[in-house]
């Protein structure tokens, strides 16, 4: 769909608006980073801070897309949903790969 139109936009783009690729990419990147950090950290407090920090970055990227006037909120939420689904698929695939690798090594 078309991007939002404003009287005095901060940024003007001509490409499609739905879903937000920046929101999807940041959700995937920071989600993967959070998963990695949670697996590597020993302290529950550090894990919580890592998750909160990564979630804050995703929210800031989403907010920036709406603030710049290049996306509607629904575009950003759809991008975050897409990124979350892709992250879940990647994490499931990595776990399956690790189990397969462990099973081969146990023989």
PDB file of N, CA and C in Angstrom:
ATOM      1  N   UNK A   1       0.830  -1.180   0.000  1.00  0.00           N
ATOM      2  CA  UNK A   1       0.000   0.000   0.000  1.00  0.00           C
ATOM      3  C   UNK A   1       0.871   1.238   0.000  1.00  0.00           C
ATOM      4  N   UNK A   2       0.266   2.345  -0.259  1.00  0.00           N
ATOM      5  CA  UNK A   2       1.006   3.607  -0.332  1.00  0.00           C
ATOM      6  C   UNK A   2       1.434   4.055   1.061  1.00  0.00           C
ATOM      7  N   UNK A   3       2.511   4.801   1.084  1.00  0.00           N
ATOM      8  CA  UNK A   3       3.009   5.340   2.350  1.00  0.00           C
ATOM      9  C   UNK A   3       2.120   6.498   2.804  1.00  0.00           C
ATOM     10  N   UNK A   4       2.190   6.826   4.091  1.00  0.00           N
ATOM     11  CA  UNK A   4       1.404   7.959   4.590  1.00  0.00           C
ATOM     12  C   UNK A   4       1.821   9.260   3.899  1.00  0.00           C
ATOM     13  N   UNK A   5       0.892  10.158   3.768  1.00  0.00           N
ATOM     14  CA  UNK A   5       1.208  11.474   3.210  1.00  0.00           C
ATOM     15  C   UNK A   5       0.979  12.529   4.286  1.00  0.00           C
ATOM     16  N   UNK A   6       1.940  13.416   4.404  1.00  0.00           N
ATOM     17  CA  UNK A   6       1.887  14.468   5.411  1.00  0.00           C
ATOM     18  C   UNK A   6       2.119  15.809   4.735  1.00  0.00           C
ATOM     19  N   UNK A   7       1.680  16.861   5.381  1.00  0.00           N
ATOM     20  CA  UNK A   7       1.864  18.206   4.832  1.00  0.00           C
ATOM     21  C   UNK A   7       3.334  18.596   4.779  1.00  0.00           C
ATOM     22  N   UNK A   8       4.071  18.291   5.852  1.00  0.00           N
ATOM     23  CA  UNK A   8       5.482  18.654   5.934  1.00  0.00           C
ATOM     24  C   UNK A   8       6.277  17.435   6.415  1.00  0.00           C
ATOM     25  N   UNK A   9       6.517  16.425   5.528  1.00  0.00           N
ATOM     26  CA  UNK A   9       7.175  15.194   5.975  1.00  0.00           C
ATOM     27  C   UNK A   9       8.656  15.395   6.257  1.00  0.00           C
ATOM     28  N   UNK A  10       9.164  14.620   7.207  1.00  0.00           N
ATOM     29  CA  UNK A  10      10.596  14.626   7.488  1.00  0.00           C
ATOM     30  C   UNK A  10      11.359  13.843   6.427  1.00  0.00           C
ATOM     31  N   UNK A  11      10.685  12.864   5.849  1.00  0.00           N
ATOM     32  CA  UNK A  11      11.303  11.984   4.866  1.00  0.00           C
ATOM     33  C   UNK A  11      10.237  11.559   3.872  1.00  0.00           C
ATOM     34  N   UNK A  12      10.591  11.513   2.594  1.00  0.00           N
ATOM     35  CA  UNK A  12       9.647  11.083   1.571  1.00  0.00           C
ATOM     36  C   UNK A  12      10.231   9.899   0.814  1.00  0.00           C
ATOM     37  N   UNK A  13       9.464   8.804   0.770  1.00  0.00           N
ATOM     38  CA  UNK A  13       9.876   7.605   0.048  1.00  0.00           C
ATOM     39  C   UNK A  13       8.787   7.236  -0.940  1.00  0.00           C
ATOM     40  N   UNK A  14       9.169   6.563  -2.023  1.00  0.00           N
ATOM     41  CA  UNK A  14       8.185   6.229  -3.060  1.00  0.00           C
ATOM     42  C   UNK A  14       7.868   4.743  -3.115  1.00  0.00           C
ATOM     43  N   UNK A  15       8.577   3.922  -2.337  1.00  0.00           N
ATOM     44  CA  UNK A  15       8.345   2.485  -2.358  1.00  0.00           C
ATOM     45  C   UNK A  15       7.129   2.121  -1.511  1.00  0.00           C
ATOM     46  N   UNK A  16       6.767   0.849  -1.519  1.00  0.00           N
ATOM     47  CA  UNK A  16       5.621   0.379  -0.749  1.00  0.00           C
ATOM     48  C   UNK A  16       5.839   0.502   0.745  1.00  0.00           C
ATOM     49  N   UNK A  17       4.733   0.480   1.468  1.00  0.00           N
ATOM     50  CA  UNK A  17       4.788   0.734   2.893  1.00  0.00           C
ATOM     51  C   UNK A  17       4.589  -0.508   3.748  1.00  0.00           C
ATOM     52  N   UNK A  18       3.860  -1.493   3.240  1.00  0.00           N
ATOM     53  CA  UNK A  18       3.438  -2.614   4.082  1.00  0.00           C
ATOM     54  C   UNK A  18       4.160  -3.881   3.704  1.00  0.00           C
ATOM     55  N   UNK A  19       4.743  -4.613   4.614  1.00  0.00           N
ATOM     56  CA  UNK A  19       5.055  -4.298   6.000  1.00  0.00           C
ATOM     57  C   UNK A  19       6.372  -3.535   6.090  1.00  0.00           C
ATOM     58  N   UNK A  20       6.703  -3.068   7.258  1.00  0.00           N
ATOM     59  CA  UNK A  20       7.947  -2.328   7.452  1.00  0.00           C
ATOM     60  C   UNK A  20       9.130  -3.286   7.479  1.00  0.00           C
ATOM     61  N   UNK A  21      10.006  -3.141   6.518  1.00  0.00           N
ATOM     62  CA  UNK A  21      11.200  -3.972   6.467  1.00  0.00           C
ATOM     63  C   UNK A  21      12.173  -3.658   7.589  1.00  0.00           C
ATOM     64  N   UNK A  22      12.246  -2.383   7.976  1.00  0.00           N
ATOM     65  CA  UNK A  22      13.118  -2.013   9.088  1.00  0.00           C
ATOM     66  C   UNK A  22      12.643  -2.661  10.382  1.00  0.00           C
ATOM     67  N   UNK A  23      11.340  -2.655  10.614  1.00  0.00           N
ATOM     68  CA  UNK A  23      10.794  -3.267  11.829  1.00  0.00           C
ATOM     69  C   UNK A  23      11.026  -4.772  11.816  1.00  0.00           C
ATOM     70  N   UNK A  24      10.836  -5.413  10.670  1.00  0.00           N
ATOM     71  CA  UNK A  24      11.060  -6.858  10.566  1.00  0.00           C
ATOM     72  C   UNK A  24      12.538  -7.185  10.796  1.00  0.00           C
ATOM     73  N   UNK A  25      13.415  -6.447  10.154  1.00  0.00           N
ATOM     74  CA  UNK A  25      14.850  -6.693  10.293  1.00  0.00           C
ATOM     75  C   UNK A  25      15.368  -6.452  11.703  1.00  0.00           C
ATOM     76  N   UNK A  26      14.902  -5.380  12.329  1.00  0.00           N
ATOM     77  CA  UNK A  26      15.365  -5.099  13.696  1.00  0.00           C
ATOM     78  C   UNK A  26      14.823  -6.135  14.669  1.00  0.00           C
ATOM     79  N   UNK A  27      13.593  -6.595  14.455  1.00  0.00           N
ATOM     80  CA  UNK A  27      13.034  -7.636  15.322  1.00  0.00           C
ATOM     81  C   UNK A  27      13.842  -8.915  15.192  1.00  0.00           C
ATOM     82  N   UNK A  28      14.177  -9.279  13.977  1.00  0.00           N
ATOM     83  CA  UNK A  28      14.972 -10.483  13.750  1.00  0.00           C
ATOM     84  C   UNK A  28      16.374 -10.342  14.341  1.00  0.00           C
ATOM     85  N   UNK A  29      17.038  -9.243  14.068  1.00  0.00           N
ATOM     86  CA  UNK A  29      18.407  -9.045  14.549  1.00  0.00           C
ATOM     87  C   UNK A  29      18.480  -8.978  16.066  1.00  0.00           C
ATOM     88  N   UNK A  30      17.704  -8.083  16.659  1.00  0.00           N
ATOM     89  CA  UNK A  30      17.769  -7.924  18.105  1.00  0.00           C
ATOM     90  C   UNK A  30      17.158  -9.124  18.836  1.00  0.00           C
ATOM     91  N   UNK A  31      16.205  -9.799  18.222  1.00  0.00           N
ATOM     92  CA  UNK A  31      15.668 -11.021  18.805  1.00  0.00           C
ATOM     93  C   UNK A  31      16.718 -12.118  18.843  1.00  0.00           C
ATOM     94  N   UNK A  32      17.452 -12.264  17.742  1.00  0.00           N
ATOM     95  CA  UNK A  32      18.526 -13.253  17.704  1.00  0.00           C
ATOM     96  C   UNK A  32      19.623 -12.891  18.700  1.00  0.00           C
ATOM     97  N   UNK A  33      19.945 -11.614  18.787  1.00  0.00           N
ATOM     98  CA  UNK A  33      20.950 -11.162  19.753  1.00  0.00           C
ATOM     99  C   UNK A  33      20.502 -11.475  21.177  1.00  0.00           C
ATOM    100  N   UNK A  34      19.227 -11.236  21.479  1.00  0.00           N
ATOM    101  CA  UNK A  34      18.703 -11.537  22.814  1.00  0.00           C
ATOM    102  C   UNK A  34      18.793 -13.033  23.098  1.00  0.00           C
ATOM    103  N   UNK A  35      18.428 -13.868  22.135  1.00  0.00           N
ATOM    104  CA  UNK A  35      18.522 -15.319  22.316  1.00  0.00           C
ATOM    105  C   UNK A  35      19.963 -15.743  22.572  1.00  0.00           C
ATOM    106  N   UNK A  36      20.882 -15.203  21.817  1.00  0.00           N
ATOM    107  CA  UNK A  36      22.294 -15.533  21.979  1.00  0.00           C
ATOM    108  C   UNK A  36      22.788 -15.119  23.365  1.00  0.00           C
ATOM    109  N   UNK A  37      22.460 -13.893  23.766  1.00  0.00           N
ATOM    110  CA  UNK A  37      22.925 -13.403  25.059  1.00  0.00           C
ATOM    111  C   UNK A  37      22.313 -14.185  26.219  1.00  0.00           C
ATOM    112  N   UNK A  38      21.047 -14.525  26.105  1.00  0.00           N
ATOM    113  CA  UNK A  38      20.388 -15.288  27.169  1.00  0.00           C
ATOM    114  C   UNK A  38      21.062 -16.653  27.347  1.00  0.00           C
ATOM    115  N   UNK A  39      21.457 -17.287  26.260  1.00  0.00           N
ATOM    116  CA  UNK A  39      22.122 -18.582  26.352  1.00  0.00           C
ATOM    117  C   UNK A  39      23.528 -18.477  26.930  1.00  0.00           C
ATOM    118  N   UNK A  40      24.172 -17.343  26.765  1.00  0.00           N
ATOM    119  CA  UNK A  40      25.555 -17.177  27.213  1.00  0.00           C
ATOM    120  C   UNK A  40      25.673 -16.626  28.632  1.00  0.00           C
ATOM    121  N   UNK A  41      24.646 -15.968  29.138  1.00  0.00           N
ATOM    122  CA  UNK A  41      24.726 -15.316  30.453  1.00  0.00           C
ATOM    123  C   UNK A  41      24.287 -16.261  31.553  1.00  0.00           C
ATOM    124  N   UNK A  42      24.913 -16.125  32.702  1.00  0.00           N
ATOM    125  CA  UNK A  42      24.603 -16.978  33.852  1.00  0.00           C
ATOM    126  C   UNK A  42      23.582 -16.328  34.787  1.00  0.00           C
ATOM    127  N   UNK A  43      23.625 -15.027  34.920  1.00  0.00           N
ATOM    128  CA  UNK A  43      22.776 -14.313  35.863  1.00  0.00           C
ATOM    129  C   UNK A  43      21.393 -14.030  35.271  1.00  0.00           C
ATOM    130  N   UNK A  44      20.364 -14.255  36.074  1.00  0.00           N
ATOM    131  CA  UNK A  44      19.005 -13.944  35.629  1.00  0.00           C
ATOM    132  C   UNK A  44      18.813 -12.448  35.409  1.00  0.00           C
ATOM    133  N   UNK A  45      19.480 -11.639  36.227  1.00  0.00           N
ATOM    134  CA  UNK A  45      19.388 -10.184  36.073  1.00  0.00           C
ATOM    135  C   UNK A  45      19.999  -9.750  34.748  1.00  0.00           C
ATOM    136  N   UNK A  46      21.141 -10.309  34.407  1.00  0.00           N
ATOM    137  CA  UNK A  46      21.792  -9.973  33.142  1.00  0.00           C
ATOM    138  C   UNK A  46      20.931 -10.422  31.965  1.00  0.00           C
ATOM    139  N   UNK A  47      20.309 -11.586  32.088  1.00  0.00           N
ATOM    140  CA  UNK A  47      19.424 -12.067  31.027  1.00  0.00           C
ATOM    141  C   UNK A  47      18.238 -11.126  30.836  1.00  0.00           C
ATOM    142  N   UNK A  48      17.646 -10.708  31.937  1.00  0.00           N
ATOM    143  CA  UNK A  48      16.503  -9.794  31.859  1.00  0.00           C
ATOM    144  C   UNK A  48      16.911  -8.467  31.234  1.00  0.00           C
ATOM    145  N   UNK A  49      18.069  -7.961  31.602  1.00  0.00           N
ATOM    146  CA  UNK A  49      18.558  -6.704  31.021  1.00  0.00           C
ATOM    147  C   UNK A  49      18.827  -6.845  29.529  1.00  0.00           C
ATOM    148  N   UNK A  50      19.352  -7.980  29.128  1.00  0.00           N
ATOM    149  CA  UNK A  50      19.613  -8.213  27.703  1.00  0.00           C
ATOM    150  C   UNK A  50      18.300  -8.226  26.924  1.00  0.00           C
ATOM    151  N   UNK A  51      17.304  -8.915  27.456  1.00  0.00           N
ATOM    152  CA  UNK A  51      16.003  -8.974  26.782  1.00  0.00           C
ATOM    153  C   UNK A  51      15.367  -7.596  26.730  1.00  0.00           C
ATOM    154  N   UNK A  52      15.399  -6.872  27.843  1.00  0.00           N
ATOM    155  CA  UNK A  52      14.807  -5.529  27.869  1.00  0.00           C
ATOM    156  C   UNK A  52      15.534  -4.575  26.923  1.00  0.00           C
ATOM    157  N   UNK A  53      16.856  -4.662  26.888  1.00  0.00           N
ATOM    158  CA  UNK A  53      17.622  -3.799  25.996  1.00  0.00           C
ATOM    159  C   UNK A  53      17.317  -4.070  24.533  1.00  0.00           C
ATOM    160  N   UNK A  54      17.259  -5.339  24.172  1.00  0.00           N
ATOM    161  CA  UNK A  54      16.959  -5.698  22.787  1.00  0.00           C
ATOM    162  C   UNK A  54      15.524  -5.327  22.420  1.00  0.00           C
ATOM    163  N   UNK A  55      14.588  -5.552  23.335  1.00  0.00           N
ATOM    164  CA  UNK A  55      13.195  -5.171  23.080  1.00  0.00           C
ATOM    165  C   UNK A  55      13.067  -3.658  22.929  1.00  0.00           C
ATOM    166  N   UNK A  56      13.820  -2.911  23.736  1.00  0.00           N
ATOM    167  CA  UNK A  56      13.792  -1.446  23.629  1.00  0.00           C
ATOM    168  C   UNK A  56      14.295  -0.987  22.267  1.00  0.00           C
ATOM    169  N   UNK A  57      15.322  -1.644  21.748  1.00  0.00           N
ATOM    170  CA  UNK A  57      15.837  -1.275  20.433  1.00  0.00           C
ATOM    171  C   UNK A  57      14.805  -1.523  19.331  1.00  0.00           C
ATOM    172  N   UNK A  58      14.093  -2.640  19.432  1.00  0.00           N
ATOM    173  CA  UNK A  58      13.051  -2.940  18.440  1.00  0.00           C
ATOM    174  C   UNK A  58      11.951  -1.881  18.501  1.00  0.00           C
ATOM    175  N   UNK A  59      11.538  -1.522  19.704  1.00  0.00           N
ATOM    176  CA  UNK A  59      10.492  -0.511  19.871  1.00  0.00           C
ATOM    177  C   UNK A  59      10.969   0.842  19.337  1.00  0.00           C
ATOM    178  N   UNK A  60      12.223   1.190  19.588  1.00  0.00           N
ATOM    179  CA  UNK A  60      12.756   2.468  19.090  1.00  0.00           C
ATOM    180  C   UNK A  60      12.803   2.507  17.567  1.00  0.00           C
ATOM    181  N   UNK A  61      13.186   1.412  16.950  1.00  0.00           N
ATOM    182  CA  UNK A  61      13.197   1.369  15.484  1.00  0.00           C
ATOM    183  C   UNK A  61      11.774   1.527  14.956  1.00  0.00           C
ATOM    184  N   UNK A  62      10.831   0.805  15.556  1.00  0.00           N
ATOM    185  CA  UNK A  62       9.428   0.927  15.143  1.00  0.00           C
ATOM    186  C   UNK A  62       8.903   2.337  15.324  1.00  0.00           C
ATOM    187  N   UNK A  63       9.213   2.941  16.459  1.00  0.00           N
ATOM    188  CA  UNK A  63       8.781   4.312  16.710  1.00  0.00           C
ATOM    189  C   UNK A  63       9.384   5.274  15.695  1.00  0.00           C
ATOM    190  N   UNK A  64      10.647   5.067  15.350  1.00  0.00           N
ATOM    191  CA  UNK A  64      11.294   5.972  14.400  1.00  0.00           C
ATOM    192  C   UNK A  64      10.622   5.924  13.031  1.00  0.00           C
ATOM    193  N   UNK A  65      10.145   4.747  12.623  1.00  0.00           N
ATOM    194  CA  UNK A  65       9.481   4.619  11.318  1.00  0.00           C
ATOM    195  C   UNK A  65       8.165   5.395  11.303  1.00  0.00           C
ATOM    196  N   UNK A  66       7.431   5.344  12.413  1.00  0.00           N
ATOM    197  CA  UNK A  66       6.176   6.096  12.501  1.00  0.00           C
ATOM    198  C   UNK A  66       6.477   7.584  12.647  1.00  0.00           C
ATOM    199  N   UNK A  67       7.470   7.934  13.470  1.00  0.00           N
ATOM    200  CA  UNK A  67       7.829   9.327  13.702  1.00  0.00           C
ATOM    201  C   UNK A  67       8.292  10.015  12.416  1.00  0.00           C
ATOM    202  N   UNK A  68       9.048   9.301  11.615  1.00  0.00           N
ATOM    203  CA  UNK A  68       9.508   9.875  10.350  1.00  0.00           C
ATOM    204  C   UNK A  68       8.383  10.009   9.329  1.00  0.00           C
ATOM    205  N   UNK A  69       7.256   9.369   9.605  1.00  0.00           N
ATOM    206  CA  UNK A  69       6.103   9.474   8.720  1.00  0.00           C
ATOM    207  C   UNK A  69       6.188   8.587   7.494  1.00  0.00           C
ATOM    208  N   UNK A  70       7.022   7.548   7.549  1.00  0.00           N
ATOM    209  CA  UNK A  70       7.173   6.671   6.389  1.00  0.00           C
ATOM    210  C   UNK A  70       6.354   5.387   6.515  1.00  0.00           C
ATOM    211  N   UNK A  71       5.748   5.146   7.688  1.00  0.00           N
ATOM    212  CA  UNK A  71       4.921   3.971   7.908  1.00  0.00           C
ATOM    213  C   UNK A  71       3.754   4.308   8.819  1.00  0.00           C
ATOM    214  N   UNK A  72       2.679   3.566   8.621  1.00  0.00           N
ATOM    215  CA  UNK A  72       1.586   3.573   9.582  1.00  0.00           C
ATOM    216  C   UNK A  72       1.958   2.618  10.709  1.00  0.00           C
ATOM    217  N   UNK A  73       1.267   2.741  11.847  1.00  0.00           N
ATOM    218  CA  UNK A  73       1.527   1.839  12.962  1.00  0.00           C
ATOM    219  C   UNK A  73       1.268   0.391  12.552  1.00  0.00           C
ATOM    220  N   UNK A  74       0.254   0.152  11.744  1.00  0.00           N
ATOM    221  CA  UNK A  74      -0.047  -1.220  11.308  1.00  0.00           C
ATOM    222  C   UNK A  74       1.090  -1.796  10.463  1.00  0.00           C
ATOM    223  N   UNK A  75       1.779  -0.972   9.687  1.00  0.00           N
ATOM    224  CA  UNK A  75       2.930  -1.425   8.904  1.00  0.00           C
ATOM    225  C   UNK A  75       4.047  -1.913   9.824  1.00  0.00           C
ATOM    226  N   UNK A  76       4.283  -1.140  10.877  1.00  0.00           N
ATOM    227  CA  UNK A  76       5.343  -1.476  11.828  1.00  0.00           C
ATOM    228  C   UNK A  76       4.986  -2.742  12.600  1.00  0.00           C
ATOM    229  N   UNK A  77       3.745  -2.842  13.058  1.00  0.00           N
ATOM    230  CA  UNK A  77       3.325  -4.032  13.801  1.00  0.00           C
ATOM    231  C   UNK A  77       3.375  -5.281  12.923  1.00  0.00           C
ATOM    232  N   UNK A  78       3.012  -5.134  11.651  1.00  0.00           N
ATOM    233  CA  UNK A  78       3.100  -6.268  10.722  1.00  0.00           C
ATOM    234  C   UNK A  78       4.555  -6.671  10.505  1.00  0.00           C
ATOM    235  N   UNK A  79       5.438  -5.701  10.386  1.00  0.00           N
ATOM    236  CA  UNK A  79       6.865  -5.999  10.239  1.00  0.00           C
ATOM    237  C   UNK A  79       7.421  -6.707  11.460  1.00  0.00           C
ATOM    238  N   UNK A  80       7.016  -6.256  12.645  1.00  0.00           N
ATOM    239  CA  UNK A  80       7.465  -6.912  13.876  1.00  0.00           C
ATOM    240  C   UNK A  80       6.924  -8.339  13.961  1.00  0.00           C
ATOM    241  N   UNK A  81       5.696  -8.538  13.531  1.00  0.00           N
ATOM    242  CA  UNK A  81       5.115  -9.888  13.524  1.00  0.00           C
ATOM    243  C   UNK A  81       5.859 -10.792  12.555  1.00  0.00           C
ATOM    244  N   UNK A  82       6.163 -10.270  11.383  1.00  0.00           N
ATOM    245  CA  UNK A  82       6.925 -11.029  10.393  1.00  0.00           C
ATOM    246  C   UNK A  82       8.309 -11.381  10.926  1.00  0.00           C
ATOM    247  N   UNK A  83       8.967 -10.414  11.548  1.00  0.00           N
ATOM    248  CA  UNK A  83      10.289 -10.660  12.126  1.00  0.00           C
ATOM    249  C   UNK A  83      10.246 -11.689  13.244  1.00  0.00           C
ATOM    250  N   UNK A  84       9.202 -11.641  14.068  1.00  0.00           N
ATOM    251  CA  UNK A  84       9.057 -12.605  15.154  1.00  0.00           C
ATOM    252  C   UNK A  84       8.832 -14.010  14.608  1.00  0.00           C
ATOM    253  N   UNK A  85       7.997 -14.133  13.583  1.00  0.00           N
ATOM    254  CA  UNK A  85       7.738 -15.445  12.972  1.00  0.00           C
ATOM    255  C   UNK A  85       9.020 -16.003  12.353  1.00  0.00           C
ATOM    256  N   UNK A  86       9.761 -15.161  11.663  1.00  0.00           N
ATOM    257  CA  UNK A  86      11.002 -15.607  11.035  1.00  0.00           C
ATOM    258  C   UNK A  86      12.031 -15.988  12.105  1.00  0.00           C
ATOM    259  N   UNK A  87      12.092 -15.225  13.196  1.00  0.00           N
ATOM    260  CA  UNK A  87      12.998 -15.540  14.296  1.00  0.00           C
ATOM    261  C   UNK A  87      12.647 -16.894  14.900  1.00  0.00           C
ATOM    262  N   UNK A  88      11.367 -17.143  15.122  1.00  0.00           N
ATOM    263  CA  UNK A  88      10.941 -18.428  15.680  1.00  0.00           C
ATOM    264  C   UNK A  88      11.332 -19.568  14.746  1.00  0.00           C
ATOM    265  N   UNK A  89      11.126 -19.394  13.467  1.00  0.00           N
ATOM    266  CA  UNK A  89      11.499 -20.421  12.498  1.00  0.00           C
ATOM    267  C   UNK A  89      13.009 -20.668  12.511  1.00  0.00           C
ATOM    268  N   UNK A  90      13.785 -19.614  12.565  1.00  0.00           N
ATOM    269  CA  UNK A  90      15.247 -19.749  12.606  1.00  0.00           C
ATOM    270  C   UNK A  90      15.706 -20.449  13.883  1.00  0.00           C
ATOM    271  N   UNK A  91      15.107 -20.111  15.019  1.00  0.00           N
ATOM    272  CA  UNK A  91      15.503 -20.725  16.281  1.00  0.00           C
ATOM    273  C   UNK A  91      15.127 -22.212  16.305  1.00  0.00           C
ATOM    274  N   UNK A  92      13.961 -22.551  15.752  1.00  0.00           N
ATOM    275  CA  UNK A  92      13.558 -23.961  15.660  1.00  0.00           C
ATOM    276  C   UNK A  92      14.527 -24.726  14.763  1.00  0.00           C
ATOM    277  N   UNK A  93      14.904 -24.123  13.648  1.00  0.00           N
ATOM    278  CA  UNK A  93      15.850 -24.766  12.726  1.00  0.00           C
ATOM    279  C   UNK A  93      17.224 -24.940  13.379  1.00  0.00           C
ATOM    280  N   UNK A  94      17.688 -23.945  14.104  1.00  0.00           N
ATOM    281  CA  UNK A  94      18.982 -24.065  14.785  1.00  0.00           C
ATOM    282  C   UNK A  94      18.953 -25.155  15.843  1.00  0.00           C
ATOM    283  N   UNK A  95      17.850 -25.243  16.565  1.00  0.00           N
ATOM    284  CA  UNK A  95      17.734 -26.295  17.592  1.00  0.00           C
ATOM    285  C   UNK A  95      17.711 -27.685  16.943  1.00  0.00           C
ATOM    286  N   UNK A  96      16.986 -27.817  15.849  1.00  0.00           N
ATOM    287  CA  UNK A  96      16.942 -29.103  15.142  1.00  0.00           C
ATOM    288  C   UNK A  96      18.325 -29.461  14.609  1.00  0.00           C
ATOM    289  N   UNK A  97      19.035 -28.481  14.071  1.00  0.00           N
ATOM    290  CA  UNK A  97      20.387 -28.716  13.570  1.00  0.00           C
ATOM    291  C   UNK A  97      21.312 -29.157  14.703  1.00  0.00           C
ATOM    292  N   UNK A  98      21.202 -28.494  15.863  1.00  0.00           N
ATOM    293  CA  UNK A  98      22.048 -28.846  17.005  1.00  0.00           C
ATOM    294  C   UNK A  98      21.733 -30.255  17.499  1.00  0.00           C
ATOM    295  N   UNK A  99      20.461 -30.621  17.545  1.00  0.00           N
ATOM    296  CA  UNK A  99      20.090 -31.982  17.959  1.00  0.00           C
ATOM    297  C   UNK A  99      20.614 -33.023  16.974  1.00  0.00           C
ATOM    298  N   UNK A 100      20.490 -32.718  15.686  1.00  0.00           N
ATOM    299  CA  UNK A 100      20.983 -33.635  14.655  1.00  0.00           C
ATOM    300  C   UNK A 100      22.493 -33.807  14.770  1.00  0.00           C
ATOM    301  N   UNK A 101      23.168 -32.714  14.964  1.00  0.00           N
ATOM    302  CA  UNK A 101      24.626 -32.744  15.091  1.00  0.00           C
ATOM    303  C   UNK A 101      25.052 -33.518  16.331  1.00  0.00           C
ATOM    304  N   UNK A 102      24.313 -33.314  17.426  1.00  0.00           N
ATOM    305  CA  UNK A 102      24.619 -34.033  18.663  1.00  0.00           C
ATOM    306  C   UNK A 102      24.366 -35.534  18.489  1.00  0.00           C
ATOM    307  N   UNK A 103      23.295 -35.895  17.784  1.00  0.00           N
ATOM    308  CA  UNK A 103      22.965 -37.301  17.557  1.00  0.00           C
ATOM    309  C   UNK A 103      24.027 -37.983  16.703  1.00  0.00           C
ATOM    310  N   UNK A 104      24.542 -37.289  15.724  1.00  0.00           N
ATOM    311  CA  UNK A 104      25.599 -37.847  14.870  1.00  0.00           C
ATOM    312  C   UNK A 104      26.879 -38.027  15.668  1.00  0.00           C
ATOM    313  N   UNK A 105      27.178 -37.060  16.540  1.00  0.00           N
ATOM    314  CA  UNK A 105      28.389 -37.147  17.352  1.00  0.00           C
ATOM    315  C   UNK A 105      28.313 -38.215  18.420  1.00  0.00           C
ATOM    316  N   UNK A 106      27.095 -38.600  18.838  1.00  0.00           N
ATOM    317  CA  UNK A 106      26.933 -39.603  19.893  1.00  0.00           C
ATOM    318  C   UNK A 106      27.118 -41.020  19.376  1.00  0.00           C
ATOM    319  N   UNK A 107      27.130 -41.227  18.082  1.00  0.00           N
ATOM    320  CA  UNK A 107      27.264 -42.580  17.500  1.00  0.00           C
ATOM    321  C   UNK A 107      28.623 -43.149  17.671  1.00  0.00           C
TER     322      UNK A 107
END
